[in-house]
C-alpha cells in the first residue's frame, strides 16, 4: 500500500489511516525511523524495560544449560 503524505511544520508527517488500520497501530506505539539508501523506513517496534530483557536472557541461558 503506497500513499502520499506531506512533511509538516516541525518535521511531522501523518501516517495514512489505511496503513494505521492495516498494521493495527495505536496512539503511543513506538516507531523506529531510519534512512537507508535514500529511503525513509518506519518500522513499528516494541520497547521493553532493560531489567525485563536481562531476566529473559538469564532464563534462556538457564534453559539452554538444562537447569529447569
PDB file of N, CA and C in Angstrom:
ATOM      1  N   UNK A   1       0.848  -1.168   0.000  1.00  0.00           N
ATOM      2  CA  UNK A   1       0.000   0.000   0.000  1.00  0.00           C
ATOM      3  C   UNK A   1       0.897   1.236   0.000  1.00  0.00           C
ATOM      4  N   UNK A   2       0.759   2.071  -0.995  1.00  0.00           N
ATOM      5  CA  UNK A   2       1.530   3.311  -1.075  1.00  0.00           C
ATOM      6  C   UNK A   2       0.570   4.489  -1.049  1.00  0.00           C
ATOM      7  N   UNK A   3       0.947   5.502  -0.300  1.00  0.00           N
ATOM      8  CA  UNK A   3       0.156   6.727  -0.224  1.00  0.00           C
ATOM      9  C   UNK A   3       1.119   7.898  -0.134  1.00  0.00           C
ATOM     10  N   UNK A   4       0.627   9.057  -0.460  1.00  0.00           N
ATOM     11  CA  UNK A   4       1.446  10.271  -0.378  1.00  0.00           C
ATOM     12  C   UNK A   4       1.006  11.065   0.843  1.00  0.00           C
ATOM     13  N   UNK A   5       1.991  11.529   1.599  1.00  0.00           N
ATOM     14  CA  UNK A   5       1.730  12.391   2.747  1.00  0.00           C
ATOM     15  C   UNK A   5       2.634  13.607   2.624  1.00  0.00           C
ATOM     16  N   UNK A   6       2.464  14.566   3.468  1.00  0.00           N
ATOM     17  CA  UNK A   6       3.181  15.833   3.363  1.00  0.00           C
ATOM     18  C   UNK A   6       4.001  16.078   4.627  1.00  0.00           C
ATOM     19  N   UNK A   7       5.228  16.559   4.436  1.00  0.00           N
ATOM     20  CA  UNK A   7       6.061  16.949   5.573  1.00  0.00           C
ATOM     21  C   UNK A   7       5.520  18.265   6.117  1.00  0.00           C
ATOM     22  N   UNK A   8       5.209  18.276   7.396  1.00  0.00           N
ATOM     23  CA  UNK A   8       4.600  19.442   8.036  1.00  0.00           C
ATOM     24  C   UNK A   8       5.626  20.199   8.872  1.00  0.00           C
ATOM     25  N   UNK A   9       5.143  21.287   9.456  1.00  0.00           N
ATOM     26  CA  UNK A   9       5.978  22.076  10.350  1.00  0.00           C
ATOM     27  C   UNK A   9       6.517  21.158  11.437  1.00  0.00           C
ATOM     28  N   UNK A  10       7.688  21.409  11.933  1.00  0.00           N
ATOM     29  CA  UNK A  10       8.376  20.619  12.946  1.00  0.00           C
ATOM     30  C   UNK A  10       8.695  19.209  12.452  1.00  0.00           C
ATOM     31  N   UNK A  11       8.824  19.038  11.131  1.00  0.00           N
ATOM     32  CA  UNK A  11       9.198  17.763  10.504  1.00  0.00           C
ATOM     33  C   UNK A  11       8.216  16.634  10.795  1.00  0.00           C
ATOM     34  N   UNK A  12       6.946  16.952  10.986  1.00  0.00           N
ATOM     35  CA  UNK A  12       5.942  15.938  11.285  1.00  0.00           C
ATOM     36  C   UNK A  12       5.284  15.427  10.014  1.00  0.00           C
ATOM     37  N   UNK A  13       4.950  14.127  10.026  1.00  0.00           N
ATOM     38  CA  UNK A  13       4.180  13.528   8.939  1.00  0.00           C
ATOM     39  C   UNK A  13       3.011  12.766   9.550  1.00  0.00           C
ATOM     40  N   UNK A  14       1.952  12.639   8.788  1.00  0.00           N
ATOM     41  CA  UNK A  14       0.798  11.855   9.220  1.00  0.00           C
ATOM     42  C   UNK A  14       0.839  10.524   8.487  1.00  0.00           C
ATOM     43  N   UNK A  15       0.730   9.440   9.239  1.00  0.00           N
ATOM     44  CA  UNK A  15       0.662   8.121   8.618  1.00  0.00           C
ATOM     45  C   UNK A  15      -0.770   7.929   8.158  1.00  0.00           C
ATOM     46  N   UNK A  16      -0.969   7.612   6.889  1.00  0.00           N
ATOM     47  CA  UNK A  16      -2.330   7.466   6.380  1.00  0.00           C
ATOM     48  C   UNK A  16      -3.145   6.429   7.162  1.00  0.00           C
ATOM     49  N   UNK A  17      -4.428   6.722   7.347  1.00  0.00           N
ATOM     50  CA  UNK A  17      -5.335   5.895   8.133  1.00  0.00           C
ATOM     51  C   UNK A  17      -5.338   4.438   7.672  1.00  0.00           C
ATOM     52  N   UNK A  18      -5.286   4.199   6.367  1.00  0.00           N
ATOM     53  CA  UNK A  18      -5.293   2.831   5.853  1.00  0.00           C
ATOM     54  C   UNK A  18      -4.118   2.013   6.357  1.00  0.00           C
ATOM     55  N   UNK A  19      -2.952   2.642   6.454  1.00  0.00           N
ATOM     56  CA  UNK A  19      -1.753   1.953   6.958  1.00  0.00           C
ATOM     57  C   UNK A  19      -1.869   1.739   8.451  1.00  0.00           C
ATOM     58  N   UNK A  20      -2.341   2.750   9.173  1.00  0.00           N
ATOM     59  CA  UNK A  20      -2.530   2.634  10.626  1.00  0.00           C
ATOM     60  C   UNK A  20      -3.475   1.478  10.934  1.00  0.00           C
ATOM     61  N   UNK A  21      -4.553   1.395  10.197  1.00  0.00           N
ATOM     62  CA  UNK A  21      -5.541   0.333  10.405  1.00  0.00           C
ATOM     63  C   UNK A  21      -4.958  -1.029  10.060  1.00  0.00           C
ATOM     64  N   UNK A  22      -4.314  -1.139   8.915  1.00  0.00           N
ATOM     65  CA  UNK A  22      -3.749  -2.420   8.464  1.00  0.00           C
ATOM     66  C   UNK A  22      -2.730  -2.961   9.460  1.00  0.00           C
ATOM     67  N   UNK A  23      -1.891  -2.081  10.008  1.00  0.00           N
ATOM     68  CA  UNK A  23      -0.843  -2.502  10.946  1.00  0.00           C
ATOM     69  C   UNK A  23      -1.321  -2.502  12.397  1.00  0.00           C
ATOM     70  N   UNK A  24      -2.592  -2.115  12.604  1.00  0.00           N
ATOM     71  CA  UNK A  24      -3.188  -2.071  13.944  1.00  0.00           C
ATOM     72  C   UNK A  24      -2.381  -1.200  14.898  1.00  0.00           C
ATOM     73  N   UNK A  25      -1.921  -0.055  14.387  1.00  0.00           N
ATOM     74  CA  UNK A  25      -1.162   0.888  15.201  1.00  0.00           C
ATOM     75  C   UNK A  25      -2.115   1.669  16.087  1.00  0.00           C
ATOM     76  N   UNK A  26      -1.614   2.056  17.262  1.00  0.00           N
ATOM     77  CA  UNK A  26      -2.409   2.845  18.200  1.00  0.00           C
ATOM     78  C   UNK A  26      -1.576   4.008  18.720  1.00  0.00           C
ATOM     79  N   UNK A  27      -2.265   5.022  19.202  1.00  0.00           N
ATOM     80  CA  UNK A  27      -1.574   6.168  19.787  1.00  0.00           C
ATOM     81  C   UNK A  27      -0.635   5.678  20.885  1.00  0.00           C
ATOM     82  N   UNK A  28       0.591   6.157  20.857  1.00  0.00           N
ATOM     83  CA  UNK A  28       1.580   5.770  21.858  1.00  0.00           C
ATOM     84  C   UNK A  28       2.496   4.647  21.407  1.00  0.00           C
ATOM     85  N   UNK A  29       2.163   3.961  20.300  1.00  0.00           N
ATOM     86  CA  UNK A  29       3.050   2.911  19.792  1.00  0.00           C
ATOM     87  C   UNK A  29       4.395   3.523  19.412  1.00  0.00           C
ATOM     88  N   UNK A  30       5.441   2.748  19.553  1.00  0.00           N
ATOM     89  CA  UNK A  30       6.791   3.205  19.217  1.00  0.00           C
ATOM     90  C   UNK A  30       7.109   2.824  17.775  1.00  0.00           C
ATOM     91  N   UNK A  31       7.785   3.720  17.071  1.00  0.00           N
ATOM     92  CA  UNK A  31       8.171   3.501  15.689  1.00  0.00           C
ATOM     93  C   UNK A  31       9.652   3.810  15.521  1.00  0.00           C
ATOM     94  N   UNK A  32      10.378   2.904  14.915  1.00  0.00           N
ATOM     95  CA  UNK A  32      11.788   3.146  14.591  1.00  0.00           C
ATOM     96  C   UNK A  32      11.827   3.787  13.206  1.00  0.00           C
ATOM     97  N   UNK A  33      12.569   4.874  13.080  1.00  0.00           N
ATOM     98  CA  UNK A  33      12.687   5.577  11.805  1.00  0.00           C
ATOM     99  C   UNK A  33      14.158   5.635  11.428  1.00  0.00           C
ATOM    100  N   UNK A  34      14.454   5.192  10.206  1.00  0.00           N
ATOM    101  CA  UNK A  34      15.843   5.257   9.756  1.00  0.00           C
ATOM    102  C   UNK A  34      15.896   5.479   8.250  1.00  0.00           C
ATOM    103  N   UNK A  35      17.043   5.950   7.798  1.00  0.00           N
ATOM    104  CA  UNK A  35      17.291   6.186   6.379  1.00  0.00           C
ATOM    105  C   UNK A  35      18.207   5.091   5.870  1.00  0.00           C
ATOM    106  N   UNK A  36      17.898   4.580   4.692  1.00  0.00           N
ATOM    107  CA  UNK A  36      18.751   3.565   4.070  1.00  0.00           C
ATOM    108  C   UNK A  36      18.683   3.758   2.555  1.00  0.00           C
ATOM    109  N   UNK A  37      19.820   3.995   1.960  1.00  0.00           N
ATOM    110  CA  UNK A  37      19.917   4.176   0.506  1.00  0.00           C
ATOM    111  C   UNK A  37      18.946   5.244  -0.018  1.00  0.00           C
ATOM    112  N   UNK A  38      18.833   6.345   0.704  1.00  0.00           N
ATOM    113  CA  UNK A  38      17.997   7.448   0.269  1.00  0.00           C
ATOM    114  C   UNK A  38      16.510   7.264   0.532  1.00  0.00           C
ATOM    115  N   UNK A  39      16.138   6.191   1.229  1.00  0.00           N
ATOM    116  CA  UNK A  39      14.734   5.944   1.561  1.00  0.00           C
ATOM    117  C   UNK A  39      14.531   6.067   3.063  1.00  0.00           C
ATOM    118  N   UNK A  40      13.352   6.520   3.465  1.00  0.00           N
ATOM    119  CA  UNK A  40      12.987   6.604   4.876  1.00  0.00           C
ATOM    120  C   UNK A  40      12.151   5.378   5.201  1.00  0.00           C
ATOM    121  N   UNK A  41      12.547   4.663   6.238  1.00  0.00           N
ATOM    122  CA  UNK A  41      11.812   3.479   6.677  1.00  0.00           C
ATOM    123  C   UNK A  41      11.233   3.754   8.062  1.00  0.00           C
ATOM    124  N   UNK A  42       9.983   3.369   8.259  1.00  0.00           N
ATOM    125  CA  UNK A  42       9.308   3.499   9.554  1.00  0.00           C
ATOM    126  C   UNK A  42       8.823   2.111   9.933  1.00  0.00           C
ATOM    127  N   UNK A  43       9.307   1.597  11.075  1.00  0.00           N
ATOM    128  CA  UNK A  43       9.012   0.227  11.480  1.00  0.00           C
ATOM    129  C   UNK A  43       8.451   0.222  12.902  1.00  0.00           C
ATOM    130  N   UNK A  44       7.274  -0.382  13.109  1.00  0.00           N
ATOM    131  CA  UNK A  44       6.751  -0.493  14.471  1.00  0.00           C
ATOM    132  C   UNK A  44       7.677  -1.371  15.321  1.00  0.00           C
ATOM    133  N   UNK A  45       7.893  -0.974  16.564  1.00  0.00           N
ATOM    134  CA  UNK A  45       8.741  -1.744  17.479  1.00  0.00           C
ATOM    135  C   UNK A  45       8.069  -1.850  18.842  1.00  0.00           C
ATOM    136  N   UNK A  46       8.529  -2.829  19.607  1.00  0.00           N
ATOM    137  CA  UNK A  46       8.085  -2.982  20.985  1.00  0.00           C
ATOM    138  C   UNK A  46       9.290  -2.694  21.865  1.00  0.00           C
ATOM    139  N   UNK A  47       9.110  -1.876  22.875  1.00  0.00           N
ATOM    140  CA  UNK A  47      10.192  -1.499  23.778  1.00  0.00           C
ATOM    141  C   UNK A  47       9.917  -2.116  25.147  1.00  0.00           C
ATOM    142  N   UNK A  48      10.896  -2.862  25.665  1.00  0.00           N
ATOM    143  CA  UNK A  48      10.790  -3.483  26.984  1.00  0.00           C
ATOM    144  C   UNK A  48      11.807  -2.860  27.934  1.00  0.00           C
ATOM    145  N   UNK A  49      11.498  -2.778  29.217  1.00  0.00           N
ATOM    146  CA  UNK A  49      12.475  -2.288  30.185  1.00  0.00           C
ATOM    147  C   UNK A  49      13.705  -3.203  30.195  1.00  0.00           C
ATOM    148  N   UNK A  50      14.883  -2.634  30.374  1.00  0.00           N
ATOM    149  CA  UNK A  50      16.128  -3.391  30.322  1.00  0.00           C
ATOM    150  C   UNK A  50      16.148  -4.514  31.361  1.00  0.00           C
ATOM    151  N   UNK A  51      15.562  -4.290  32.522  1.00  0.00           N
ATOM    152  CA  UNK A  51      15.520  -5.328  33.552  1.00  0.00           C
ATOM    153  C   UNK A  51      14.753  -6.558  33.082  1.00  0.00           C
ATOM    154  N   UNK A  52      13.678  -6.345  32.358  1.00  0.00           N
ATOM    155  CA  UNK A  52      12.886  -7.449  31.822  1.00  0.00           C
ATOM    156  C   UNK A  52      13.695  -8.222  30.781  1.00  0.00           C
ATOM    157  N   UNK A  53      14.385  -7.504  29.916  1.00  0.00           N
ATOM    158  CA  UNK A  53      15.202  -8.142  28.881  1.00  0.00           C
ATOM    159  C   UNK A  53      16.322  -8.961  29.528  1.00  0.00           C
ATOM    160  N   UNK A  54      16.962  -8.395  30.544  1.00  0.00           N
ATOM    161  CA  UNK A  54      18.040  -9.115  31.222  1.00  0.00           C
ATOM    162  C   UNK A  54      17.516 -10.382  31.890  1.00  0.00           C
ATOM    163  N   UNK A  55      16.333 -10.322  32.495  1.00  0.00           N
ATOM    164  CA  UNK A  55      15.785 -11.518  33.134  1.00  0.00           C
ATOM    165  C   UNK A  55      15.436 -12.579  32.090  1.00  0.00           C
ATOM    166  N   UNK A  56      14.986 -12.167  30.915  1.00  0.00           N
ATOM    167  CA  UNK A  56      14.725 -13.125  29.842  1.00  0.00           C
ATOM    168  C   UNK A  56      16.017 -13.783  29.371  1.00  0.00           C
ATOM    169  N   UNK A  57      17.088 -13.003  29.255  1.00  0.00           N
ATOM    170  CA  UNK A  57      18.388 -13.565  28.859  1.00  0.00           C
ATOM    171  C   UNK A  57      18.851 -14.615  29.859  1.00  0.00           C
ATOM    172  N   UNK A  58      18.700 -14.310  31.138  1.00  0.00           N
ATOM    173  CA  UNK A  58      19.098 -15.253  32.180  1.00  0.00           C
ATOM    174  C   UNK A  58      18.261 -16.531  32.108  1.00  0.00           C
ATOM    175  N   UNK A  59      16.976 -16.388  31.892  1.00  0.00           N
ATOM    176  CA  UNK A  59      16.090 -17.546  31.790  1.00  0.00           C
ATOM    177  C   UNK A  59      16.446 -18.411  30.584  1.00  0.00           C
ATOM    178  N   UNK A  60      16.721 -17.790  29.456  1.00  0.00           N
ATOM    179  CA  UNK A  60      17.122 -18.529  28.253  1.00  0.00           C
ATOM    180  C   UNK A  60      18.425 -19.273  28.499  1.00  0.00           C
ATOM    181  N   UNK A  61      19.401 -18.617  29.111  1.00  0.00           N
ATOM    182  CA  UNK A  61      20.674 -19.274  29.428  1.00  0.00           C
ATOM    183  C   UNK A  61      20.459 -20.468  30.342  1.00  0.00           C
ATOM    184  N   UNK A  62      19.621 -20.296  31.330  1.00  0.00           N
ATOM    185  CA  UNK A  62      19.330 -21.379  32.283  1.00  0.00           C
ATOM    186  C   UNK A  62      18.678 -22.561  31.559  1.00  0.00           C
ATOM    187  N   UNK A  63      17.726 -22.283  30.678  1.00  0.00           N
ATOM    188  CA  UNK A  63      17.056 -23.344  29.940  1.00  0.00           C
ATOM    189  C   UNK A  63      18.004 -24.061  28.977  1.00  0.00           C
ATOM    190  N   UNK A  64      18.916 -23.312  28.361  1.00  0.00           N
ATOM    191  CA  UNK A  64      19.895 -23.935  27.462  1.00  0.00           C
ATOM    192  C   UNK A  64      20.846 -24.861  28.205  1.00  0.00           C
ATOM    193  N   UNK A  65      21.143 -24.517  29.446  1.00  0.00           N
ATOM    194  CA  UNK A  65      22.013 -25.370  30.259  1.00  0.00           C
ATOM    195  C   UNK A  65      21.259 -26.596  30.772  1.00  0.00           C
ATOM    196  N   UNK A  66      19.949 -26.581  30.662  1.00  0.00           N
ATOM    197  CA  UNK A  66      19.136 -27.704  31.102  1.00  0.00           C
ATOM    198  C   UNK A  66      18.778 -27.666  32.573  1.00  0.00           C
ATOM    199  N   UNK A  67      18.964 -26.504  33.213  1.00  0.00           N
ATOM    200  CA  UNK A  67      18.660 -26.354  34.648  1.00  0.00           C
ATOM    201  C   UNK A  67      17.243 -25.813  34.811  1.00  0.00           C
ATOM    202  N   UNK A  68      16.302 -26.635  34.628  1.00  0.00           N
ATOM    203  CA  UNK A  68      14.900 -26.190  34.745  1.00  0.00           C
ATOM    204  C   UNK A  68      14.597 -26.063  36.175  1.00  0.00           C
TER     205      UNK A  68
END
